Amino acid sequence: MGDAADFLGLTPEEAEFVQLKLALAAGLREERETQSLTQAELANRVGSSQSRVAKMEAADPTVSGDLLVRSLLKLGARRGDVARLVTRRVGRTSKSTAS
């Protein structure tokens, strides 16, 4: 049995990118909830729509990493906060590419 990356035929780099987006998306949702904001309130802050925020939090493929990072920064995150998010794993971890 393999993992989702194996099933989808993702390269290690693609699998790592998916993990990165998932971590950013989860961090965005956590920070929004910590600040007791609705998706609509966050959308207003970032100049977007509630449905787009829902897609951001779901790590939808149509959402760029850039938008996720910019939204986190709008919520007050700093570079170190974003760095901590992208180094954590969300869900099942992909196979390590380190030797």
N, C-alpha and C. Protein backbone atom coordinates (compact mmCIF):
# COMPACT_ATOMS: atom_id res chain seq x y z
N MET A 1 0.83 -1.18 0.00
CA MET A 1 0.00 0.00 0.00
C MET A 1 0.88 1.24 0.00
N GLY A 2 0.50 2.22 -0.78
CA GLY A 2 1.22 3.48 -0.81
C GLY A 2 0.40 4.59 -0.19
N ASP A 3 0.93 5.79 -0.30
CA ASP A 3 0.20 6.94 0.21
C ASP A 3 -0.50 7.66 -0.94
N ALA A 4 -1.12 8.78 -0.63
CA ALA A 4 -1.86 9.54 -1.65
C ALA A 4 -0.95 9.99 -2.78
N ALA A 5 0.28 10.36 -2.44
CA ALA A 5 1.22 10.81 -3.47
C ALA A 5 1.52 9.68 -4.45
N ASP A 6 1.67 8.48 -3.93
CA ASP A 6 1.89 7.32 -4.81
C ASP A 6 0.68 7.08 -5.69
N PHE A 7 -0.50 7.12 -5.08
CA PHE A 7 -1.74 6.88 -5.82
C PHE A 7 -1.92 7.90 -6.93
N LEU A 8 -1.61 9.15 -6.64
CA LEU A 8 -1.78 10.21 -7.63
C LEU A 8 -0.60 10.35 -8.58
N GLY A 9 0.44 9.61 -8.33
CA GLY A 9 1.62 9.67 -9.19
C GLY A 9 2.38 10.98 -9.07
N LEU A 10 2.41 11.55 -7.87
CA LEU A 10 3.10 12.81 -7.67
C LEU A 10 4.60 12.59 -7.51
N THR A 11 5.36 13.51 -8.03
CA THR A 11 6.80 13.48 -7.77
C THR A 11 7.01 13.89 -6.32
N PRO A 12 8.18 13.62 -5.75
CA PRO A 12 8.44 14.07 -4.38
C PRO A 12 8.27 15.57 -4.22
N GLU A 13 8.67 16.32 -5.24
CA GLU A 13 8.54 17.78 -5.18
C GLU A 13 7.07 18.21 -5.19
N GLU A 14 6.26 17.56 -6.01
CA GLU A 14 4.83 17.88 -6.06
C GLU A 14 4.16 17.53 -4.73
N ALA A 15 4.53 16.39 -4.16
CA ALA A 15 3.96 15.98 -2.88
C ALA A 15 4.35 16.97 -1.79
N GLU A 16 5.57 17.44 -1.83
CA GLU A 16 6.03 18.42 -0.83
C GLU A 16 5.28 19.74 -0.99
N PHE A 17 5.02 20.15 -2.23
CA PHE A 17 4.27 21.38 -2.48
C PHE A 17 2.85 21.26 -1.94
N VAL A 18 2.23 20.10 -2.14
CA VAL A 18 0.88 19.88 -1.61
C VAL A 18 0.91 20.00 -0.09
N GLN A 19 1.90 19.40 0.56
CA GLN A 19 2.01 19.50 2.02
C GLN A 19 2.19 20.95 2.47
N LEU A 20 2.97 21.70 1.72
CA LEU A 20 3.20 23.11 2.03
C LEU A 20 1.89 23.89 1.96
N LYS A 21 1.14 23.70 0.90
CA LYS A 21 -0.15 24.40 0.76
C LYS A 21 -1.13 23.99 1.85
N LEU A 22 -1.16 22.71 2.19
CA LEU A 22 -2.04 22.25 3.25
C LEU A 22 -1.70 22.90 4.58
N ALA A 23 -0.40 23.03 4.87
CA ALA A 23 0.03 23.65 6.11
C ALA A 23 -0.34 25.13 6.15
N LEU A 24 -0.16 25.83 5.04
CA LEU A 24 -0.53 27.24 4.97
C LEU A 24 -2.04 27.41 5.12
N ALA A 25 -2.81 26.57 4.46
CA ALA A 25 -4.26 26.65 4.53
C ALA A 25 -4.76 26.38 5.95
N ALA A 26 -4.21 25.36 6.59
CA ALA A 26 -4.60 25.04 7.96
C ALA A 26 -4.23 26.19 8.90
N GLY A 27 -3.05 26.77 8.68
CA GLY A 27 -2.62 27.89 9.51
C GLY A 27 -3.52 29.10 9.33
N LEU A 28 -3.97 29.34 8.11
CA LEU A 28 -4.87 30.46 7.85
C LEU A 28 -6.17 30.27 8.61
N ARG A 29 -6.72 29.08 8.52
CA ARG A 29 -7.98 28.81 9.23
C ARG A 29 -7.79 28.95 10.74
N GLU A 30 -6.71 28.39 11.27
CA GLU A 30 -6.45 28.48 12.71
C GLU A 30 -6.34 29.94 13.16
N GLU A 31 -5.61 30.74 12.40
CA GLU A 31 -5.44 32.14 12.77
C GLU A 31 -6.74 32.91 12.66
N ARG A 32 -7.52 32.63 11.62
CA ARG A 32 -8.83 33.28 11.49
C ARG A 32 -9.71 32.95 12.69
N GLU A 33 -9.73 31.67 13.08
CA GLU A 33 -10.55 31.26 14.21
C GLU A 33 -10.02 31.82 15.53
N THR A 34 -8.71 31.90 15.68
CA THR A 34 -8.11 32.48 16.88
C THR A 34 -8.54 33.93 17.05
N GLN A 35 -8.65 34.64 15.93
CA GLN A 35 -9.08 36.03 15.96
C GLN A 35 -10.60 36.18 15.95
N SER A 36 -11.30 35.06 16.03
CA SER A 36 -12.78 35.05 16.03
C SER A 36 -13.38 35.78 14.83
N LEU A 37 -12.77 35.57 13.69
CA LEU A 37 -13.27 36.16 12.44
C LEU A 37 -14.07 35.13 11.66
N THR A 38 -15.09 35.58 10.97
CA THR A 38 -15.80 34.72 10.03
C THR A 38 -15.02 34.72 8.72
N GLN A 39 -15.36 33.80 7.86
CA GLN A 39 -14.73 33.79 6.53
C GLN A 39 -15.05 35.08 5.79
N ALA A 40 -16.25 35.59 5.97
CA ALA A 40 -16.63 36.84 5.30
C ALA A 40 -15.81 38.02 5.82
N GLU A 41 -15.54 38.05 7.11
CA GLU A 41 -14.73 39.13 7.67
C GLU A 41 -13.29 39.05 7.16
N LEU A 42 -12.76 37.85 7.09
CA LEU A 42 -11.41 37.69 6.53
C LEU A 42 -11.40 38.11 5.07
N ALA A 43 -12.41 37.71 4.33
CA ALA A 43 -12.50 38.08 2.92
C ALA A 43 -12.47 39.59 2.75
N ASN A 44 -13.18 40.30 3.60
CA ASN A 44 -13.19 41.75 3.55
C ASN A 44 -11.79 42.32 3.80
N ARG A 45 -11.07 41.74 4.75
CA ARG A 45 -9.71 42.21 5.05
C ARG A 45 -8.75 42.01 3.89
N VAL A 46 -8.91 40.91 3.19
CA VAL A 46 -7.95 40.60 2.11
C VAL A 46 -8.46 41.01 0.73
N GLY A 47 -9.65 41.62 0.70
CA GLY A 47 -10.20 42.08 -0.58
C GLY A 47 -10.65 40.95 -1.48
N SER A 48 -11.31 39.96 -0.88
CA SER A 48 -11.75 38.79 -1.63
C SER A 48 -13.19 38.48 -1.25
N SER A 49 -13.62 37.28 -1.57
CA SER A 49 -14.98 36.85 -1.25
C SER A 49 -14.94 35.72 -0.22
N GLN A 50 -16.07 35.50 0.44
CA GLN A 50 -16.15 34.42 1.43
C GLN A 50 -15.89 33.08 0.76
N SER A 51 -16.41 32.89 -0.44
CA SER A 51 -16.21 31.60 -1.11
C SER A 51 -14.73 31.37 -1.44
N ARG A 52 -14.02 32.45 -1.75
CA ARG A 52 -12.58 32.33 -2.02
C ARG A 52 -11.83 31.97 -0.75
N VAL A 53 -12.23 32.56 0.38
CA VAL A 53 -11.60 32.21 1.66
C VAL A 53 -11.84 30.73 1.97
N ALA A 54 -13.05 30.25 1.71
CA ALA A 54 -13.34 28.82 1.92
C ALA A 54 -12.41 27.97 1.07
N LYS A 55 -12.17 28.36 -0.17
CA LYS A 55 -11.25 27.63 -1.04
C LYS A 55 -9.82 27.72 -0.51
N MET A 56 -9.45 28.89 0.01
CA MET A 56 -8.11 29.05 0.58
C MET A 56 -7.91 28.08 1.74
N GLU A 57 -8.89 28.02 2.62
CA GLU A 57 -8.79 27.15 3.79
C GLU A 57 -8.83 25.67 3.43
N ALA A 58 -9.36 25.35 2.28
CA ALA A 58 -9.40 23.97 1.80
C ALA A 58 -8.20 23.63 0.92
N ALA A 59 -7.29 24.59 0.75
CA ALA A 59 -6.11 24.41 -0.11
C ALA A 59 -6.52 24.00 -1.52
N ASP A 60 -7.58 24.61 -2.01
CA ASP A 60 -8.07 24.33 -3.36
C ASP A 60 -6.95 24.58 -4.37
N PRO A 61 -6.85 23.75 -5.39
CA PRO A 61 -5.78 23.91 -6.39
C PRO A 61 -5.80 25.27 -7.11
N THR A 62 -6.95 25.95 -7.11
CA THR A 62 -7.01 27.25 -7.78
C THR A 62 -6.44 28.38 -6.92
N VAL A 63 -6.10 28.08 -5.68
CA VAL A 63 -5.56 29.09 -4.77
C VAL A 63 -4.04 29.02 -4.80
N SER A 64 -3.42 30.17 -5.00
CA SER A 64 -1.95 30.21 -5.05
C SER A 64 -1.36 30.27 -3.65
N GLY A 65 -0.14 29.80 -3.54
CA GLY A 65 0.59 29.91 -2.29
C GLY A 65 0.79 31.36 -1.92
N ASP A 66 0.97 32.20 -2.92
CA ASP A 66 1.14 33.63 -2.71
C ASP A 66 -0.07 34.22 -1.99
N LEU A 67 -1.27 33.86 -2.42
CA LEU A 67 -2.48 34.36 -1.79
C LEU A 67 -2.59 33.89 -0.35
N LEU A 68 -2.22 32.66 -0.10
CA LEU A 68 -2.25 32.14 1.27
C LEU A 68 -1.29 32.92 2.16
N VAL A 69 -0.08 33.15 1.69
CA VAL A 69 0.91 33.88 2.48
C VAL A 69 0.47 35.32 2.71
N ARG A 70 0.01 35.98 1.65
CA ARG A 70 -0.44 37.38 1.79
C ARG A 70 -1.60 37.48 2.78
N SER A 71 -2.48 36.51 2.78
CA SER A 71 -3.62 36.52 3.70
C SER A 71 -3.16 36.32 5.14
N LEU A 72 -2.21 35.44 5.34
CA LEU A 72 -1.66 35.24 6.67
C LEU A 72 -1.01 36.53 7.18
N LEU A 73 -0.29 37.20 6.30
CA LEU A 73 0.35 38.46 6.69
C LEU A 73 -0.69 39.52 7.04
N LYS A 74 -1.80 39.55 6.31
CA LYS A 74 -2.89 40.48 6.62
C LYS A 74 -3.48 40.22 8.00
N LEU A 75 -3.40 38.97 8.45
CA LEU A 75 -3.90 38.63 9.78
C LEU A 75 -2.88 38.90 10.88
N GLY A 76 -1.70 39.39 10.48
CA GLY A 76 -0.69 39.74 11.47
C GLY A 76 0.45 38.75 11.62
N ALA A 77 0.45 37.70 10.79
CA ALA A 77 1.55 36.74 10.85
C ALA A 77 2.85 37.42 10.43
N ARG A 78 3.95 36.95 10.97
CA ARG A 78 5.29 37.42 10.60
C ARG A 78 6.00 36.31 9.84
N ARG A 79 7.15 36.64 9.28
CA ARG A 79 7.91 35.63 8.52
C ARG A 79 8.16 34.37 9.32
N GLY A 80 8.52 34.53 10.59
CA GLY A 80 8.78 33.37 11.44
C GLY A 80 7.55 32.51 11.62
N ASP A 81 6.39 33.16 11.71
CA ASP A 81 5.13 32.41 11.85
C ASP A 81 4.88 31.57 10.60
N VAL A 82 5.08 32.18 9.44
CA VAL A 82 4.87 31.47 8.18
C VAL A 82 5.89 30.34 8.05
N ALA A 83 7.12 30.60 8.46
CA ALA A 83 8.15 29.56 8.40
C ALA A 83 7.77 28.36 9.26
N ARG A 84 7.25 28.62 10.45
CA ARG A 84 6.82 27.51 11.32
C ARG A 84 5.68 26.72 10.67
N LEU A 85 4.78 27.41 10.00
CA LEU A 85 3.67 26.71 9.34
C LEU A 85 4.17 25.79 8.24
N VAL A 86 5.09 26.28 7.41
CA VAL A 86 5.51 25.48 6.26
C VAL A 86 6.43 24.33 6.66
N THR A 87 6.94 24.35 7.88
CA THR A 87 7.79 23.24 8.31
C THR A 87 7.03 22.16 9.04
N ARG A 88 5.76 22.43 9.35
CA ARG A 88 4.98 21.39 10.02
C ARG A 88 4.24 20.55 8.99
N ARG A 89 3.88 19.37 9.38
CA ARG A 89 3.16 18.46 8.50
C ARG A 89 1.68 18.48 8.84
N VAL A 90 0.85 18.35 7.82
CA VAL A 90 -0.59 18.30 8.00
C VAL A 90 -1.09 17.00 7.39
N GLY A 91 -1.92 16.28 8.11
CA GLY A 91 -2.45 15.02 7.58
C GLY A 91 -1.35 13.98 7.49
N ARG A 92 -1.50 13.06 6.56
CA ARG A 92 -0.47 12.03 6.36
C ARG A 92 0.76 12.68 5.76
N THR A 93 1.89 12.31 6.26
CA THR A 93 3.13 12.88 5.76
C THR A 93 3.56 12.17 4.50
N SER A 94 4.21 12.92 3.63
CA SER A 94 4.77 12.31 2.43
C SER A 94 6.10 11.69 2.79
N LYS A 95 6.60 10.85 1.92
CA LYS A 95 7.89 10.22 2.15
C LYS A 95 8.97 11.28 2.14
N SER A 96 9.90 11.15 3.03
CA SER A 96 11.00 12.10 3.12
C SER A 96 11.90 11.95 1.90
N THR A 97 12.36 13.09 1.39
CA THR A 97 13.28 13.05 0.25
C THR A 97 14.71 13.23 0.71
N ALA A 98 14.89 13.40 2.04
CA ALA A 98 16.25 13.58 2.58
C ALA A 98 16.96 12.25 2.61
N SER A 99 18.26 12.29 2.43
CA SER A 99 19.06 11.07 2.48
C SER A 99 19.58 10.84 3.87
